[in-house]
Amino acid sequence: MSFIDIKSDCDFSIQNLPYGVFSTDDNPEHRIGVAIGDKILDLSVIKHLFNGPVLNGSQEVFNKPVLNDFMALGYPAWKEARARLQELLGVNCDELKGNAELMSRALIPMASAKMHLPAKIGDYTDFFSSIYHATNAGRMFFNKESPLPPNWKHIPVGYHGRASSVVVSGTSIRRPTGQTKPDDKQPPVFGPCKMLDFELEMAFFTGPANEMGEPIPIDKAHEHIFGMVLMNDWSVEELDEPQTISRSNYKVESSYGSMIELSWKGTKTIKLSNGVTRSLLQDGDEVIMTGYCEGQGFRVGFGECTGKVLPAKSF
């Protein structure tokens, strides 16, 4: 239990403690923080308290503007940091709660913080790993009778993504333009896409890299996976159709992870909770994704992943 008041339906319990990078109006420097209740614990302020055998000589990683150096330390450092944070934020430890001056500097109201990308994204791979979504998308775009590529059940497809396209939650996305071929008998036409879609995905941040040519054993994977986040993989279905199909992890209609599945390629109308109906995303629409799991009296959640659709640029 934490000495900080945390509601049972709050995503950021002491059992969670997700890392992030934030700034505030009175301090625009990007700092590493940990979410706890409705507060952010500024790790640059308390870095001297990470005095265990692994982190004692590496406290400066918490003074960086991104998480990369901390992630590179590996699993022993992550484990020690998490245990220390739970100790410092627990009801039985006075190192933080007993120091009013330190607490006033270290605990920042979440409402006053601006979030940033937590790490410098060096590379990005998108895996097409759900048989349910692959089957649905294949039936819509390719072959109703044989929707899966021949090799899919043996090795799910992975796509090399563009690292520069990864943006923080809250970033608006402009509707893309490109070539489509609505009439097979006519040349392609250029214009705004009509089938802009969201895709609810889980993204993994990795820590220490493997040497070239040295695979990571499955039982060692946890030593390389730093953490998980919600990710909206914005996609343009009619522009992607000749080369790829969308990706997510859902079997039944009530848990589909994209509009293209919910509306079955725009042929069905979806009624939203506010009474508005949609078959495709429209300009001005905002997509909000949330996710959590629960224990007895606490929640471990991801917060919100949001993005708004802006109109296409005129050419």
Foldseek 3Di string as FASTA:
>chain_A
DFPDDAAFPDQADLVAFDKFWKAFPVGRQIFIWTDHHQKTFGLVLVLCQLCDPQCVVPSCCRVDNANQVVLQSWDVSLVSVSVSSSQCRHPVDCPAVVDVVSVVVGIGGNVRIDTFGRHQQPWDKAWQQAPQVQLLQQCLQPNVVCRHDPCCVPPTDMDTDDRVPDTAFPAADEFDWDWFPPDPVDDTDIDGFFAWKWFWAKDWDFYHDDPVPDDDDPVCVVRTTSDIAIDIPIDRCRVCSVPDTDHHYDHDQVPGGMLCSVLVNLVRWDQDPVRDIDSHDDAFDKDKDWDWDHDVSHINIRHIRMYGYHYHDDD
